[in-house]
Structures are given as C-alpha cells and as structure tokens.
Amino acid sequence: MPDELFLRELARNAIRNGTLPLESPVRMFSGPGTGAACGACSAPVSPDQMEIEIQFTALGDQRSFRDVLDRLRMLPDIPRYHLHMRCFAAWEFERTKVGHVLSQSV
C-alpha cells in the first residue's frame, strides 16, 4: 500500500475533484472489505482488509430522531463511500485540514 504522504495527496485530490465530500459523515461502519472500490485510491477493498464505510445524507432541519428516520426512508440513495482504513485516515486528516483552512479564509 502507498505511503502516508501519497495517500494524503490522493485524499486531497478526491476532495478537490468532488469524489469524496468535505463534510463529516452522518454514519460510519467498519468491517471486512466488500471488494468495493476505495473512494480515495480506487483500489478494491478486499475481504482480508478492514473497510470503513462512510454515509452522508442531506437531512436538513430535522427536529427529532424520528424525523431523521422518516426522512431516511424517503432517501433510498444515501451517498456512501468505501475506504481502506489508511485511506480513511488520510481523508479525515485532509478533510479537517482543508475545512480548517477554509473557515479561516472566510
């Protein structure tokens, strides 16, 4: 697997290109890889590797947990991304670094 600096560069490019989002995920799961392509490096996450799945939703101004669940039932296509553990760490590092830089420039 590539070194940390290269993974961070891949994650940074994925954020710039819109392949991976900049915001925090709503939900995260981990487990054995499913063979899905990694959102950062594009290599498959094989079953012998640990996979992090991150999910995002546009929930808007929900007032309760029940509102969130009702809204999720209406959004069958929840944006989700599969990442190797190291790619997730690189994405998280770059996401928070980029977000910090953006908030300072506003």
PDB file of N, CA and C in Angstrom:
ATOM      1  N   MET A   1       0.856  -1.180   0.000  1.00  0.00           N
ATOM      2  CA  MET A   1       0.000   0.000   0.000  1.00  0.00           C
ATOM      3  C   MET A   1       0.899   1.240   0.000  1.00  0.00           C
ATOM      4  N   PRO A   2       0.464   2.298  -0.661  1.00  0.00           N
ATOM      5  CA  PRO A   2       1.270   3.527  -0.763  1.00  0.00           C
ATOM      6  C   PRO A   2       1.559   4.150   0.602  1.00  0.00           C
ATOM      7  N   ASP A   3       2.562   5.009   0.638  1.00  0.00           N
ATOM      8  CA  ASP A   3       2.920   5.671   1.890  1.00  0.00           C
ATOM      9  C   ASP A   3       1.917   6.766   2.243  1.00  0.00           C
ATOM     10  N   GLU A   4       2.044   7.272   3.475  1.00  0.00           N
ATOM     11  CA  GLU A   4       1.075   8.233   4.016  1.00  0.00           C
ATOM     12  C   GLU A   4       0.963   9.520   3.195  1.00  0.00           C
ATOM     13  N   LEU A   5       2.092  10.070   2.775  1.00  0.00           N
ATOM     14  CA  LEU A   5       2.044  11.319   2.008  1.00  0.00           C
ATOM     15  C   LEU A   5       1.315  11.132   0.684  1.00  0.00           C
ATOM     16  N   PHE A   6       1.551   9.996   0.043  1.00  0.00           N
ATOM     17  CA  PHE A   6       0.865   9.718  -1.213  1.00  0.00           C
ATOM     18  C   PHE A   6      -0.638   9.542  -0.974  1.00  0.00           C
ATOM     19  N   LEU A   7      -1.008   8.846   0.103  1.00  0.00           N
ATOM     20  CA  LEU A   7      -2.427   8.665   0.423  1.00  0.00           C
ATOM     21  C   LEU A   7      -3.093  10.004   0.730  1.00  0.00           C
ATOM     22  N   ARG A   8      -2.395  10.875   1.428  1.00  0.00           N
ATOM     23  CA  ARG A   8      -2.954  12.200   1.713  1.00  0.00           C
ATOM     24  C   ARG A   8      -3.142  12.992   0.434  1.00  0.00           C
ATOM     25  N   GLU A   9      -2.210  12.854  -0.499  1.00  0.00           N
ATOM     26  CA  GLU A   9      -2.353  13.530  -1.790  1.00  0.00           C
ATOM     27  C   GLU A   9      -3.557  12.989  -2.555  1.00  0.00           C
ATOM     28  N   LEU A  10      -3.744  11.665  -2.535  1.00  0.00           N
ATOM     29  CA  LEU A  10      -4.921  11.077  -3.184  1.00  0.00           C
ATOM     30  C   LEU A  10      -6.204  11.583  -2.536  1.00  0.00           C
ATOM     31  N   ALA A  11      -6.223  11.638  -1.216  1.00  0.00           N
ATOM     32  CA  ALA A  11      -7.411  12.119  -0.497  1.00  0.00           C
ATOM     33  C   ALA A  11      -7.680  13.588  -0.819  1.00  0.00           C
ATOM     34  N   ARG A  12      -6.631  14.390  -0.849  1.00  0.00           N
ATOM     35  CA  ARG A  12      -6.767  15.816  -1.180  1.00  0.00           C
ATOM     36  C   ARG A  12      -7.353  15.980  -2.578  1.00  0.00           C
ATOM     37  N   ASN A  13      -6.853  15.200  -3.536  1.00  0.00           N
ATOM     38  CA  ASN A  13      -7.369  15.260  -4.909  1.00  0.00           C
ATOM     39  C   ASN A  13      -8.825  14.806  -4.977  1.00  0.00           C
ATOM     40  N   ALA A  14      -9.172  13.775  -4.207  1.00  0.00           N
ATOM     41  CA  ALA A  14     -10.554  13.295  -4.193  1.00  0.00           C
ATOM     42  C   ALA A  14     -11.496  14.370  -3.651  1.00  0.00           C
ATOM     43  N   ILE A  15     -11.050  15.129  -2.667  1.00  0.00           N
ATOM     44  CA  ILE A  15     -11.868  16.223  -2.127  1.00  0.00           C
ATOM     45  C   ILE A  15     -12.000  17.332  -3.174  1.00  0.00           C
ATOM     46  N   ARG A  16     -10.884  17.706  -3.786  1.00  0.00           N
ATOM     47  CA  ARG A  16     -10.912  18.763  -4.811  1.00  0.00           C
ATOM     48  C   ARG A  16     -11.804  18.390  -5.989  1.00  0.00           C
ATOM     49  N   ASN A  17     -11.726  17.123  -6.419  1.00  0.00           N
ATOM     50  CA  ASN A  17     -12.495  16.664  -7.575  1.00  0.00           C
ATOM     51  C   ASN A  17     -13.956  16.371  -7.238  1.00  0.00           C
ATOM     52  N   GLY A  18     -14.315  16.398  -5.970  1.00  0.00           N
ATOM     53  CA  GLY A  18     -15.678  16.083  -5.572  1.00  0.00           C
ATOM     54  C   GLY A  18     -15.948  14.594  -5.484  1.00  0.00           C
ATOM     55  N   THR A  19     -14.898  13.773  -5.569  1.00  0.00           N
ATOM     56  CA  THR A  19     -15.064  12.326  -5.452  1.00  0.00           C
ATOM     57  C   THR A  19     -15.399  11.940  -4.023  1.00  0.00           C
ATOM     58  N   LEU A  20     -14.801  12.637  -3.068  1.00  0.00           N
ATOM     59  CA  LEU A  20     -15.119  12.464  -1.648  1.00  0.00           C
ATOM     60  C   LEU A  20     -15.567  13.810  -1.095  1.00  0.00           C
ATOM     61  N   PRO A  21     -16.567  13.801  -0.216  1.00  0.00           N
ATOM     62  CA  PRO A  21     -17.066  15.064   0.333  1.00  0.00           C
ATOM     63  C   PRO A  21     -16.131  15.655   1.383  1.00  0.00           C
ATOM     64  N   LEU A  22     -16.355  16.910   1.661  1.00  0.00           N
ATOM     65  CA  LEU A  22     -15.577  17.636   2.660  1.00  0.00           C
ATOM     66  C   LEU A  22     -16.220  17.568   4.044  1.00  0.00           C
ATOM     67  N   GLU A  23     -17.518  17.358   4.100  1.00  0.00           N
ATOM     68  CA  GLU A  23     -18.207  17.380   5.391  1.00  0.00           C
ATOM     69  C   GLU A  23     -18.049  16.057   6.139  1.00  0.00           C
ATOM     70  N   SER A  24     -18.425  16.094   7.398  1.00  0.00           N
ATOM     71  CA  SER A  24     -18.370  14.900   8.253  1.00  0.00           C
ATOM     72  C   SER A  24     -19.444  13.912   7.837  1.00  0.00           C
ATOM     73  N   PRO A  25     -19.145  12.621   7.913  1.00  0.00           N
ATOM     74  CA  PRO A  25     -20.177  11.635   7.613  1.00  0.00           C
ATOM     75  C   PRO A  25     -21.245  11.600   8.695  1.00  0.00           C
ATOM     76  N   VAL A  26     -22.430  11.185   8.298  1.00  0.00           N
ATOM     77  CA  VAL A  26     -23.525  11.032   9.254  1.00  0.00           C
ATOM     78  C   VAL A  26     -23.364   9.714  10.007  1.00  0.00           C
ATOM     79  N   ARG A  27     -22.913   8.672   9.294  1.00  0.00           N
ATOM     80  CA  ARG A  27     -22.710   7.352   9.883  1.00  0.00           C
ATOM     81  C   ARG A  27     -21.425   6.747   9.339  1.00  0.00           C
ATOM     82  N   MET A  28     -20.815   5.890  10.170  1.00  0.00           N
ATOM     83  CA  MET A  28     -19.623   5.161   9.755  1.00  0.00           C
ATOM     84  C   MET A  28     -19.755   3.721  10.229  1.00  0.00           C
ATOM     85  N   PHE A  29     -19.305   2.804   9.385  1.00  0.00           N
ATOM     86  CA  PHE A  29     -19.293   1.386   9.719  1.00  0.00           C
ATOM     87  C   PHE A  29     -17.920   0.836   9.366  1.00  0.00           C
ATOM     88  N   SER A  30     -17.524  -0.221  10.029  1.00  0.00           N
ATOM     89  CA  SER A  30     -16.269  -0.871   9.661  1.00  0.00           C
ATOM     90  C   SER A  30     -16.470  -2.380   9.693  1.00  0.00           C
ATOM     91  N   GLY A  31     -15.650  -3.051   8.933  1.00  0.00           N
ATOM     92  CA  GLY A  31     -15.700  -4.500   8.871  1.00  0.00           C
ATOM     93  C   GLY A  31     -14.817  -4.987   7.746  1.00  0.00           C
ATOM     94  N   PRO A  32     -14.888  -6.266   7.445  1.00  0.00           N
ATOM     95  CA  PRO A  32     -14.084  -6.799   6.346  1.00  0.00           C
ATOM     96  C   PRO A  32     -14.475  -6.143   5.028  1.00  0.00           C
ATOM     97  N   GLY A  33     -13.509  -5.969   4.154  1.00  0.00           N
ATOM     98  CA  GLY A  33     -13.766  -5.349   2.855  1.00  0.00           C
ATOM     99  C   GLY A  33     -14.807  -6.101   2.052  1.00  0.00           C
ATOM    100  N   THR A  34     -15.513  -5.378   1.204  1.00  0.00           N
ATOM    101  CA  THR A  34     -16.569  -5.962   0.371  1.00  0.00           C
ATOM    102  C   THR A  34     -16.140  -6.083  -1.086  1.00  0.00           C
ATOM    103  N   GLY A  35     -14.940  -5.626  -1.401  1.00  0.00           N
ATOM    104  CA  GLY A  35     -14.488  -5.629  -2.791  1.00  0.00           C
ATOM    105  C   GLY A  35     -14.829  -4.347  -3.521  1.00  0.00           C
ATOM    106  N   ALA A  36     -15.505  -3.429  -2.838  1.00  0.00           N
ATOM    107  CA  ALA A  36     -15.862  -2.144  -3.459  1.00  0.00           C
ATOM    108  C   ALA A  36     -14.602  -1.306  -3.656  1.00  0.00           C
ATOM    109  N   ALA A  37     -14.648  -0.426  -4.649  1.00  0.00           N
ATOM    110  CA  ALA A  37     -13.517   0.458  -4.916  1.00  0.00           C
ATOM    111  C   ALA A  37     -13.399   1.499  -3.808  1.00  0.00           C
ATOM    112  N   CYS A  38     -12.195   1.757  -3.373  1.00  0.00           N
ATOM    113  CA  CYS A  38     -11.924   2.767  -2.354  1.00  0.00           C
ATOM    114  C   CYS A  38     -12.180   4.156  -2.939  1.00  0.00           C
ATOM    115  N   GLY A  39     -12.860   5.003  -2.193  1.00  0.00           N
ATOM    116  CA  GLY A  39     -13.173   6.349  -2.650  1.00  0.00           C
ATOM    117  C   GLY A  39     -11.956   7.244  -2.775  1.00  0.00           C
ATOM    118  N   ALA A  40     -10.854   6.874  -2.140  1.00  0.00           N
ATOM    119  CA  ALA A  40      -9.648   7.701  -2.200  1.00  0.00           C
ATOM    120  C   ALA A  40      -8.654   7.174  -3.233  1.00  0.00           C
ATOM    121  N   CYS A  41      -8.307   5.886  -3.144  1.00  0.00           N
ATOM    122  CA  CYS A  41      -7.248   5.353  -4.010  1.00  0.00           C
ATOM    123  C   CYS A  41      -7.779   4.539  -5.188  1.00  0.00           C
ATOM    124  N   SER A  42      -9.063   4.241  -5.214  1.00  0.00           N
ATOM    125  CA  SER A  42      -9.745   3.490  -6.284  1.00  0.00           C
ATOM    126  C   SER A  42      -9.421   2.007  -6.315  1.00  0.00           C
ATOM    127  N   ALA A  43      -8.531   1.526  -5.473  1.00  0.00           N
ATOM    128  CA  ALA A  43      -8.242   0.087  -5.420  1.00  0.00           C
ATOM    129  C   ALA A  43      -9.359  -0.616  -4.648  1.00  0.00           C
ATOM    130  N   PRO A  44      -9.676  -1.849  -5.010  1.00  0.00           N
ATOM    131  CA  PRO A  44     -10.723  -2.561  -4.258  1.00  0.00           C
ATOM    132  C   PRO A  44     -10.292  -2.824  -2.813  1.00  0.00           C
ATOM    133  N   VAL A  45     -11.269  -2.784  -1.916  1.00  0.00           N
ATOM    134  CA  VAL A  45     -11.018  -3.127  -0.515  1.00  0.00           C
ATOM    135  C   VAL A  45     -11.380  -4.598  -0.375  1.00  0.00           C
ATOM    136  N   SER A  46     -10.367  -5.441  -0.353  1.00  0.00           N
ATOM    137  CA  SER A  46     -10.582  -6.890  -0.370  1.00  0.00           C
ATOM    138  C   SER A  46     -11.051  -7.398   0.995  1.00  0.00           C
ATOM    139  N   PRO A  47     -11.654  -8.591   1.017  1.00  0.00           N
ATOM    140  CA  PRO A  47     -12.175  -9.138   2.275  1.00  0.00           C
ATOM    141  C   PRO A  47     -11.117  -9.349   3.359  1.00  0.00           C
ATOM    142  N   ASP A  48      -9.847  -9.438   2.992  1.00  0.00           N
ATOM    143  CA  ASP A  48      -8.807  -9.603   4.006  1.00  0.00           C
ATOM    144  C   ASP A  48      -8.319  -8.254   4.554  1.00  0.00           C
ATOM    145  N   GLN A  49      -8.933  -7.161   4.115  1.00  0.00           N
ATOM    146  CA  GLN A  49      -8.598  -5.823   4.590  1.00  0.00           C
ATOM    147  C   GLN A  49      -9.778  -5.241   5.358  1.00  0.00           C
ATOM    148  N   MET A  50      -9.491  -4.326   6.271  1.00  0.00           N
ATOM    149  CA  MET A  50     -10.545  -3.637   7.006  1.00  0.00           C
ATOM    150  C   MET A  50     -11.069  -2.491   6.144  1.00  0.00           C
ATOM    151  N   GLU A  51     -12.387  -2.365   6.096  1.00  0.00           N
ATOM    152  CA  GLU A  51     -13.037  -1.321   5.302  1.00  0.00           C
ATOM    153  C   GLU A  51     -13.800  -0.382   6.219  1.00  0.00           C
ATOM    154  N   ILE A  52     -13.768   0.890   5.902  1.00  0.00           N
ATOM    155  CA  ILE A  52     -14.593   1.890   6.577  1.00  0.00           C
ATOM    156  C   ILE A  52     -15.613   2.364   5.554  1.00  0.00           C
ATOM    157  N   GLU A  53     -16.887   2.248   5.880  1.00  0.00           N
ATOM    158  CA  GLU A  53     -17.939   2.787   5.006  1.00  0.00           C
ATOM    159  C   GLU A  53     -18.460   4.052   5.666  1.00  0.00           C
ATOM    160  N   ILE A  54     -18.463   5.137   4.906  1.00  0.00           N
ATOM    161  CA  ILE A  54     -18.983   6.400   5.420  1.00  0.00           C
ATOM    162  C   ILE A  54     -20.235   6.757   4.634  1.00  0.00           C
ATOM    163  N   GLN A  55     -21.235   7.276   5.331  1.00  0.00           N
ATOM    164  CA  GLN A  55     -22.511   7.613   4.707  1.00  0.00           C
ATOM    165  C   GLN A  55     -22.857   9.065   4.994  1.00  0.00           C
ATOM    166  N   PHE A  56     -23.504   9.657   4.012  1.00  0.00           N
ATOM    167  CA  PHE A  56     -23.894  11.063   4.097  1.00  0.00           C
ATOM    168  C   PHE A  56     -25.358  11.199   3.718  1.00  0.00           C
ATOM    169  N   THR A  57     -26.037  12.148   4.331  1.00  0.00           N
ATOM    170  CA  THR A  57     -27.416  12.455   3.955  1.00  0.00           C
ATOM    171  C   THR A  57     -27.617  13.959   4.011  1.00  0.00           C
ATOM    172  N   ALA A  58     -28.598  14.404   3.291  1.00  0.00           N
ATOM    173  CA  ALA A  58     -29.000  15.816   3.334  1.00  0.00           C
ATOM    174  C   ALA A  58     -30.278  15.870   4.147  1.00  0.00           C
ATOM    175  N   LEU A  59     -30.147  15.881   5.464  1.00  0.00           N
ATOM    176  CA  LEU A  59     -31.314  15.773   6.337  1.00  0.00           C
ATOM    177  C   LEU A  59     -32.007  17.092   6.600  1.00  0.00           C
ATOM    178  N   GLY A  60     -31.345  18.180   6.368  1.00  0.00           N
ATOM    179  CA  GLY A  60     -31.997  19.465   6.593  1.00  0.00           C
ATOM    180  C   GLY A  60     -32.258  19.718   8.062  1.00  0.00           C
ATOM    181  N   ASP A  61     -33.316  20.446   8.337  1.00  0.00           N
ATOM    182  CA  ASP A  61     -33.647  20.821   9.715  1.00  0.00           C
ATOM    183  C   ASP A  61     -34.611  19.816  10.325  1.00  0.00           C
ATOM    184  N   GLN A  62     -34.111  18.686  10.739  1.00  0.00           N
ATOM    185  CA  GLN A  62     -34.936  17.677  11.386  1.00  0.00           C
ATOM    186  C   GLN A  62     -35.034  18.022  12.869  1.00  0.00           C
ATOM    187  N   ARG A  63     -36.176  17.747  13.461  1.00  0.00           N
ATOM    188  CA  ARG A  63     -36.374  18.139  14.848  1.00  0.00           C
ATOM    189  C   ARG A  63     -36.184  17.001  15.841  1.00  0.00           C
ATOM    190  N   SER A  64     -36.270  15.763  15.386  1.00  0.00           N
ATOM    191  CA  SER A  64     -36.127  14.648  16.306  1.00  0.00           C
ATOM    192  C   SER A  64     -35.503  13.459  15.585  1.00  0.00           C
ATOM    193  N   PHE A  65     -35.125  12.484  16.379  1.00  0.00           N
ATOM    194  CA  PHE A  65     -34.564  11.263  15.806  1.00  0.00           C
ATOM    195  C   PHE A  65     -35.601  10.584  14.918  1.00  0.00           C
ATOM    196  N   ARG A  66     -36.849  10.624  15.312  1.00  0.00           N
ATOM    197  CA  ARG A  66     -37.919  10.023  14.491  1.00  0.00           C
ATOM    198  C   ARG A  66     -38.030  10.731  13.144  1.00  0.00           C
ATOM    199  N   ASP A  67     -37.905  12.072  13.122  1.00  0.00           N
ATOM    200  CA  ASP A  67     -37.911  12.822  11.863  1.00  0.00           C
ATOM    201  C   ASP A  67     -36.771  12.370  10.963  1.00  0.00           C
ATOM    202  N   VAL A  68     -35.620  12.142  11.573  1.00  0.00           N
ATOM    203  CA  VAL A  68     -34.460  11.679  10.803  1.00  0.00           C
ATOM    204  C   VAL A  68     -34.751  10.320  10.195  1.00  0.00           C
ATOM    205  N   LEU A  69     -35.300   9.399  10.989  1.00  0.00           N
ATOM    206  CA  LEU A  69     -35.615   8.065  10.463  1.00  0.00           C
ATOM    207  C   LEU A  69     -36.655   8.139   9.351  1.00  0.00           C
ATOM    208  N   ASP A  70     -37.682   8.960   9.527  1.00  0.00           N
ATOM    209  CA  ASP A  70     -38.691   9.124   8.479  1.00  0.00           C
ATOM    210  C   ASP A  70     -38.063   9.676   7.209  1.00  0.00           C
ATOM    211  N   ARG A  71     -37.188  10.632   7.354  1.00  0.00           N
ATOM    212  CA  ARG A  71     -36.517  11.238   6.197  1.00  0.00           C
ATOM    213  C   ARG A  71     -35.629  10.209   5.488  1.00  0.00           C
ATOM    214  N   LEU A  72     -34.939   9.374   6.258  1.00  0.00           N
ATOM    215  CA  LEU A  72     -34.076   8.358   5.659  1.00  0.00           C
ATOM    216  C   LEU A  72     -34.874   7.353   4.831  1.00  0.00           C
ATOM    217  N   ARG A  73     -36.069   7.053   5.268  1.00  0.00           N
ATOM    218  CA  ARG A  73     -36.906   6.119   4.498  1.00  0.00           C
ATOM    219  C   ARG A  73     -37.293   6.714   3.150  1.00  0.00           C
ATOM    220  N   MET A  74     -37.290   8.036   3.039  1.00  0.00           N
ATOM    221  CA  MET A  74     -37.637   8.693   1.783  1.00  0.00           C
ATOM    222  C   MET A  74     -36.413   8.895   0.902  1.00  0.00           C
ATOM    223  N   LEU A  75     -35.218   8.640   1.418  1.00  0.00           N
ATOM    224  CA  LEU A  75     -33.984   8.823   0.662  1.00  0.00           C
ATOM    225  C   LEU A  75     -33.279   7.483   0.476  1.00  0.00           C
ATOM    226  N   PRO A  76     -33.734   6.672  -0.481  1.00  0.00           N
ATOM    227  CA  PRO A  76     -33.122   5.353  -0.640  1.00  0.00           C
ATOM    228  C   PRO A  76     -31.678   5.414  -1.124  1.00  0.00           C
ATOM    229  N   ASP A  77     -31.298   6.470  -1.814  1.00  0.00           N
ATOM    230  CA  ASP A  77     -29.937   6.584  -2.333  1.00  0.00           C
ATOM    231  C   ASP A  77     -29.088   7.439  -1.409  1.00  0.00           C
ATOM    232  N   ILE A  78     -28.672   6.848  -0.317  1.00  0.00           N
ATOM    233  CA  ILE A  78     -27.826   7.548   0.634  1.00  0.00           C
ATOM    234  C   ILE A  78     -26.400   7.520   0.082  1.00  0.00           C
ATOM    235  N   PRO A  79     -25.778   8.693  -0.089  1.00  0.00           N
ATOM    236  CA  PRO A  79     -24.390   8.688  -0.572  1.00  0.00           C
ATOM    237  C   PRO A  79     -23.486   7.944   0.410  1.00  0.00           C
ATOM    238  N   ARG A  80     -22.768   6.940  -0.098  1.00  0.00           N
ATOM    239  CA  ARG A  80     -21.877   6.151   0.749  1.00  0.00           C
ATOM    240  C   ARG A  80     -20.582   5.887   0.012  1.00  0.00           C
ATOM    241  N   TYR A  81     -19.518   5.792   0.775  1.00  0.00           N
ATOM    242  CA  TYR A  81     -18.184   5.592   0.226  1.00  0.00           C
ATOM    243  C   TYR A  81     -17.474   4.517   1.026  1.00  0.00           C
ATOM    244  N   HIS A  82     -16.709   3.697   0.342  1.00  0.00           N
ATOM    245  CA  HIS A  82     -15.923   2.645   0.973  1.00  0.00           C
ATOM    246  C   HIS A  82     -14.457   3.061   0.923  1.00  0.00           C
ATOM    247  N   LEU A  83     -13.749   2.898   2.038  1.00  0.00           N
ATOM    248  CA  LEU A  83     -12.354   3.320   2.124  1.00  0.00           C
ATOM    249  C   LEU A  83     -11.525   2.287   2.875  1.00  0.00           C
ATOM    250  N   HIS A  84     -10.279   2.106   2.449  1.00  0.00           N
ATOM    251  CA  HIS A  84      -9.333   1.366   3.276  1.00  0.00           C
ATOM    252  C   HIS A  84      -9.150   2.165   4.564  1.00  0.00           C
ATOM    253  N   MET A  85      -8.741   1.503   5.618  1.00  0.00           N
ATOM    254  CA  MET A  85      -8.537   2.224   6.885  1.00  0.00           C
ATOM    255  C   MET A  85      -7.521   3.349   6.737  1.00  0.00           C
ATOM    256  N   ARG A  86      -6.419   3.085   6.067  1.00  0.00           N
ATOM    257  CA  ARG A  86      -5.387   4.116   5.909  1.00  0.00           C
ATOM    258  C   ARG A  86      -5.871   5.233   4.990  1.00  0.00           C
ATOM    259  N   CYS A  87      -6.661   4.898   3.983  1.00  0.00           N
ATOM    260  CA  CYS A  87      -7.220   5.929   3.093  1.00  0.00           C
ATOM    261  C   CYS A  87      -8.228   6.787   3.857  1.00  0.00           C
ATOM    262  N   PHE A  88      -9.017   6.149   4.742  1.00  0.00           N
ATOM    263  CA  PHE A  88      -9.947   6.905   5.575  1.00  0.00           C
ATOM    264  C   PHE A  88      -9.185   7.888   6.461  1.00  0.00           C
ATOM    265  N   ALA A  89      -8.096   7.418   7.080  1.00  0.00           N
ATOM    266  CA  ALA A  89      -7.302   8.292   7.950  1.00  0.00           C
ATOM    267  C   ALA A  89      -6.738   9.467   7.153  1.00  0.00           C
ATOM    268  N   ALA A  90      -6.278   9.207   5.940  1.00  0.00           N
ATOM    269  CA  ALA A  90      -5.741  10.279   5.094  1.00  0.00           C
ATOM    270  C   ALA A  90      -6.847  11.257   4.718  1.00  0.00           C
ATOM    271  N   TRP A  91      -8.027  10.727   4.360  1.00  0.00           N
ATOM    272  CA  TRP A  91      -9.164  11.590   4.001  1.00  0.00           C
ATOM    273  C   TRP A  91      -9.578  12.440   5.202  1.00  0.00           C
ATOM    274  N   GLU A  92      -9.671  11.823   6.364  1.00  0.00           N
ATOM    275  CA  GLU A  92     -10.080  12.551   7.573  1.00  0.00           C
ATOM    276  C   GLU A  92      -9.072  13.661   7.890  1.00  0.00           C
ATOM    277  N   PHE A  93      -7.799  13.355   7.775  1.00  0.00           N
ATOM    278  CA  PHE A  93      -6.768  14.364   8.024  1.00  0.00           C
ATOM    279  C   PHE A  93      -6.907  15.522   7.047  1.00  0.00           C
ATOM    280  N   GLU A  94      -7.020  15.218   5.768  1.00  0.00           N
ATOM    281  CA  GLU A  94      -7.114  16.265   4.744  1.00  0.00           C
ATOM    282  C   GLU A  94      -8.436  17.022   4.839  1.00  0.00           C
ATOM    283  N   ARG A  95      -9.513  16.311   5.137  1.00  0.00           N
ATOM    284  CA  ARG A  95     -10.836  16.949   5.252  1.00  0.00           C
ATOM    285  C   ARG A  95     -10.847  17.973   6.368  1.00  0.00           C
ATOM    286  N   THR A  96     -10.308  17.601   7.505  1.00  0.00           N
ATOM    287  CA  THR A  96     -10.323  18.529   8.632  1.00  0.00           C
ATOM    288  C   THR A  96      -9.313  19.645   8.426  1.00  0.00           C
ATOM    289  N   LYS A  97      -8.202  19.343   7.787  1.00  0.00           N
ATOM    290  CA  LYS A  97      -7.203  20.382   7.492  1.00  0.00           C
ATOM    291  C   LYS A  97      -7.768  21.378   6.494  1.00  0.00           C
ATOM    292  N   VAL A  98      -8.391  20.888   5.429  1.00  0.00           N
ATOM    293  CA  VAL A  98      -8.981  21.765   4.398  1.00  0.00           C
ATOM    294  C   VAL A  98     -10.121  22.572   5.010  1.00  0.00           C
ATOM    295  N   GLY A  99     -10.957  21.944   5.799  1.00  0.00           N
ATOM    296  CA  GLY A  99     -12.056  22.652   6.441  1.00  0.00           C
ATOM    297  C   GLY A  99     -11.560  23.745   7.348  1.00  0.00           C
ATOM    298  N   HIS A 100     -10.470  23.487   8.075  1.00  0.00           N
ATOM    299  CA  HIS A 100      -9.892  24.498   8.957  1.00  0.00           C
ATOM    300  C   HIS A 100      -9.355  25.675   8.151  1.00  0.00           C
ATOM    301  N   VAL A 101      -8.690  25.375   7.039  1.00  0.00           N
ATOM    302  CA  VAL A 101      -8.152  26.438   6.183  1.00  0.00           C
ATOM    303  C   VAL A 101      -9.279  27.250   5.573  1.00  0.00           C
ATOM    304  N   LEU A 102     -10.345  26.579   5.115  1.00  0.00           N
ATOM    305  CA  LEU A 102     -11.475  27.287   4.519  1.00  0.00           C
ATOM    306  C   LEU A 102     -12.173  28.184   5.541  1.00  0.00           C
ATOM    307  N   SER A 103     -12.324  27.701   6.786  1.00  0.00           N
ATOM    308  CA  SER A 103     -13.021  28.508   7.791  1.00  0.00           C
ATOM    309  C   SER A 103     -12.208  29.736   8.181  1.00  0.00           C
ATOM    310  N   GLN A 104     -10.886  29.652   8.097  1.00  0.00           N
ATOM    311  CA  GLN A 104     -10.058  30.803   8.419  1.00  0.00           C
ATOM    312  C   GLN A 104     -10.093  31.842   7.311  1.00  0.00           C
ATOM    313  N   SER A 105     -10.319  31.422   6.055  1.00  0.00           N
ATOM    314  CA  SER A 105     -10.288  32.366   4.939  1.00  0.00           C
ATOM    315  C   SER A 105     -11.622  33.082   4.738  1.00  0.00           C
ATOM    316  N   VAL A 106     -12.675  32.642   5.430  1.00  0.00           N
ATOM    317  CA  VAL A 106     -13.996  33.266   5.274  1.00  0.00           C
ATOM    318  C   VAL A 106     -14.126  34.457   6.159  1.00  0.00           C
TER     319      VAL A 106
END
